Amino acid sequence: MIKINLLPKRELKKTYKKFQINLSGEILKKFIFPIGITIMIMLSIVAYFEYTKSEYQKEIETQKNVLSSLQKKIAEINKFEAMNKDIERKTKLIESLKKMQSTPVSILNFVVKKLADGVWLTGLHYDDTVTVEGIGFSNLNVVAFVDNLKATPELQDVYLVETQQTEFEKQTVYKFIIKFRLKV
């Protein structure tokens, strides 16, 4: 079944109040001019900040490039300093070896020049004091060698530590130890 509505349709009229602003041209000029100037000032401030921001970003990039180049130079300098320290260490080692090399040679030179007949050396040790070990045919040969060393002006505190009679290839010999220091 179909229903039909025979009642008239009522339309409700809503009444709206229209809001009207009646602004005269003079009032508009008074508001638009300051608002326009304010907008222009704000736009110029924003543009200035954007410009300075881009300038600062360029400066930051420039400084980063400078920093990276300086870090590379620092790495090179550190490398050269390490090489320099290595060279200095090697130079000091060579100088100390030369010094240590010349001292035993001069000690041997003094000792060999004062070597008595019938005495031969079996060992020489050098640290703060010089220790000479050797063998002589007689005690008189050993004593003559000690006296010769005492007469050397470059040597000091020369003394005979011990002598010991031993046999070497069926021959009686005297083993001796002498200590002395170099004059500095």
Protein backbone atom coordinates (compact mmCIF):
# COMPACT_ATOMS: atom_id res chain seq x y z
CA MET A 1 0.00 0.00 0.00
CA ILE A 2 1.02 3.40 -0.90
CA LYS A 3 0.65 6.25 1.46
CA ILE A 4 0.05 9.69 0.22
CA ASN A 5 0.54 12.74 2.29
CA LEU A 6 -2.07 15.30 1.49
CA LEU A 7 -1.00 17.81 4.03
CA PRO A 8 0.68 20.84 2.60
CA LYS A 9 4.34 21.06 3.11
CA ARG A 10 5.28 23.80 5.45
CA GLU A 11 8.43 25.57 4.83
CA LEU A 12 10.07 27.14 7.70
CA LYS A 13 11.75 30.26 6.78
CA LYS A 14 14.86 30.89 8.67
CA THR A 15 15.66 34.45 9.03
CA TYR A 16 19.24 35.36 9.02
CA LYS A 17 20.42 38.65 10.09
CA LYS A 18 22.87 39.99 7.62
CA PHE A 19 25.90 41.51 9.11
CA GLN A 20 26.99 44.43 7.15
CA ILE A 21 29.90 46.57 7.71
CA ASN A 22 29.60 49.86 6.21
CA LEU A 23 33.09 51.13 6.03
CA SER A 24 33.72 54.32 4.37
CA GLY A 25 36.67 54.80 2.04
CA GLU A 26 38.47 56.92 4.55
CA ILE A 27 38.35 54.25 7.24
CA LEU A 28 39.58 51.65 4.77
CA LYS A 29 42.53 53.85 3.88
CA LYS A 30 43.38 54.25 7.54
CA PHE A 31 43.45 50.45 8.08
CA ILE A 32 44.83 49.20 4.78
CA PHE A 33 47.85 51.49 4.72
CA PRO A 34 49.26 50.43 8.16
CA ILE A 35 48.41 46.78 7.52
CA GLY A 36 50.17 46.89 4.16
CA ILE A 37 53.23 48.54 5.68
CA THR A 38 53.29 45.95 8.50
CA ILE A 39 53.07 43.10 5.98
CA MET A 40 55.88 44.64 3.92
CA ILE A 41 58.09 45.03 7.00
CA MET A 42 57.42 41.43 8.06
CA LEU A 43 58.20 40.14 4.56
CA SER A 44 61.44 42.12 4.48
CA ILE A 45 62.42 40.75 7.93
CA VAL A 46 61.71 37.19 6.77
CA ALA A 47 63.72 37.80 3.58
CA TYR A 48 66.62 39.23 5.62
CA PHE A 49 66.61 36.20 7.96
CA GLU A 50 66.56 33.82 5.00
CA TYR A 51 69.45 35.69 3.41
CA THR A 52 71.54 35.65 6.59
CA LYS A 53 70.66 31.99 7.11
CA SER A 54 71.95 31.11 3.65
CA GLU A 55 75.09 33.21 4.24
CA TYR A 56 75.72 31.42 7.54
CA GLN A 57 75.22 28.06 5.86
CA LYS A 58 77.75 29.02 3.19
CA GLU A 59 80.16 30.12 5.94
CA ILE A 60 79.64 26.83 7.79
CA GLU A 61 80.43 24.86 4.63
CA THR A 62 83.52 26.98 4.04
CA GLN A 63 84.68 26.44 7.63
CA LYS A 64 84.06 22.69 7.32
CA ASN A 65 86.23 22.59 4.21
CA VAL A 66 88.95 24.58 5.98
CA LEU A 67 88.69 22.26 9.00
CA SER A 68 89.03 19.14 6.88
CA SER A 69 92.08 20.55 5.09
CA LEU A 70 93.63 21.52 8.43
CA GLN A 71 92.98 18.03 9.80
CA LYS A 72 94.79 16.57 6.79
CA LYS A 73 97.71 18.91 7.44
CA ILE A 74 97.73 17.94 11.13
CA ALA A 75 97.86 14.28 10.15
CA GLU A 76 100.83 15.02 7.87
CA ILE A 77 102.55 16.99 10.63
CA ASN A 78 102.02 14.13 13.08
CA LYS A 79 103.50 11.75 10.52
CA PHE A 80 106.55 14.02 10.08
CA GLU A 81 106.94 14.36 13.86
CA ALA A 82 106.89 10.58 14.23
CA MET A 83 109.51 10.29 11.48
CA ASN A 84 111.58 13.02 13.15
CA LYS A 85 111.44 11.23 16.52
CA ASP A 86 112.44 7.99 14.84
CA ILE A 87 115.38 9.70 13.15
CA GLU A 88 116.42 11.31 16.45
CA ARG A 89 116.22 7.95 18.21
CA LYS A 90 118.33 6.32 15.50
CA THR A 91 120.84 9.18 15.61
CA LYS A 92 121.21 8.85 19.38
CA LEU A 93 121.66 5.11 18.98
CA ILE A 94 124.37 5.62 16.37
CA GLU A 95 126.12 8.22 18.55
CA SER A 96 126.03 5.93 21.57
CA LEU A 97 127.31 3.04 19.47
CA LYS A 98 130.17 5.21 18.19
CA LYS A 99 130.98 6.23 21.75
CA MET A 100 130.77 2.66 22.97
CA GLN A 101 132.82 1.50 20.00
CA SER A 102 135.64 3.95 20.58
CA THR A 103 135.94 3.21 24.31
CA PRO A 104 136.71 -0.53 23.99
CA VAL A 105 139.14 0.21 21.17
CA SER A 106 141.01 2.75 23.30
CA ILE A 107 140.99 0.34 26.28
CA LEU A 108 142.44 -2.42 24.13
CA ASN A 109 145.00 0.00 22.78
CA PHE A 110 146.17 0.95 26.32
CA VAL A 111 146.18 -2.66 27.51
CA VAL A 112 147.99 -4.10 24.47
CA LYS A 113 150.71 -1.42 24.61
CA LYS A 114 151.41 -2.28 28.27
CA LEU A 115 151.24 -6.05 27.82
CA ALA A 116 154.32 -7.69 29.40
CA ASP A 117 156.27 -10.59 27.88
CA GLY A 118 154.89 -13.98 28.85
CA VAL A 119 151.33 -12.67 29.40
CA TRP A 120 148.33 -13.08 27.12
CA LEU A 121 144.70 -11.99 27.51
CA THR A 122 141.70 -14.30 27.58
CA GLY A 123 138.93 -11.80 28.25
CA LEU A 124 138.07 -8.14 28.66
CA HIS A 125 134.77 -6.86 30.10
CA TYR A 126 133.78 -3.22 30.14
CA ASP A 127 131.00 -1.55 32.15
CA ASP A 128 131.79 1.03 34.86
CA THR A 129 135.08 -0.72 35.49
CA VAL A 130 137.24 -2.67 33.11
CA THR A 131 137.97 -6.30 33.99
CA VAL A 132 140.90 -7.94 32.23
CA GLU A 133 141.38 -11.70 32.42
CA GLY A 134 144.49 -13.45 31.21
CA ILE A 135 147.24 -16.00 31.71
CA GLY A 136 150.92 -15.47 32.46
CA PHE A 137 153.89 -17.83 32.55
CA SER A 138 154.93 -16.56 35.98
CA ASN A 139 153.73 -14.35 38.77
CA LEU A 140 156.51 -11.89 37.90
CA ASN A 141 155.09 -11.47 34.37
CA VAL A 142 151.62 -10.74 35.83
CA VAL A 143 153.04 -8.22 38.33
CA ALA A 144 155.02 -6.50 35.56
CA PHE A 145 151.81 -6.20 33.53
CA VAL A 146 149.96 -4.67 36.51
CA ASP A 147 152.83 -2.21 37.08
CA ASN A 148 152.75 -1.22 33.41
CA LEU A 149 148.99 -0.55 33.65
CA LYS A 150 149.46 1.52 36.83
CA ALA A 151 152.01 3.68 34.99
CA THR A 152 149.47 4.54 32.28
CA PRO A 153 148.05 8.06 32.94
CA GLU A 154 144.69 7.31 31.26
CA LEU A 155 143.90 4.52 33.75
CA GLN A 156 143.12 4.79 37.45
CA ASP A 157 142.46 2.44 40.39
CA VAL A 158 144.40 -0.43 38.81
CA TYR A 159 144.54 -3.47 41.10
CA LEU A 160 145.12 -7.17 40.81
CA VAL A 161 141.98 -9.00 41.97
CA GLU A 162 143.39 -12.52 41.99
CA THR A 163 145.97 -14.85 40.57
CA GLN A 164 145.63 -18.59 40.52
CA GLN A 165 148.11 -21.23 39.54
CA THR A 166 146.66 -23.70 37.01
CA GLU A 167 147.88 -26.10 34.38
CA PHE A 168 147.46 -25.41 30.67
CA GLU A 169 148.63 -28.00 28.14
CA LYS A 170 150.93 -29.66 30.72
CA GLN A 171 152.49 -26.29 31.58
CA THR A 172 152.11 -24.45 34.90
CA VAL A 173 150.60 -20.98 34.30
CA TYR A 174 149.07 -18.24 36.41
CA LYS A 175 145.50 -17.18 35.68
CA PHE A 176 144.81 -13.57 36.72
CA ILE A 177 142.04 -10.94 36.95
CA ILE A 178 142.84 -7.22 36.93
CA LYS A 179 140.34 -4.38 37.38
CA PHE A 180 140.72 -0.66 36.64
CA ARG A 181 138.76 2.42 35.57
CA LEU A 182 139.29 4.94 32.82
CA LYS A 183 139.98 8.56 33.75
CA VAL A 184 137.23 10.75 32.53
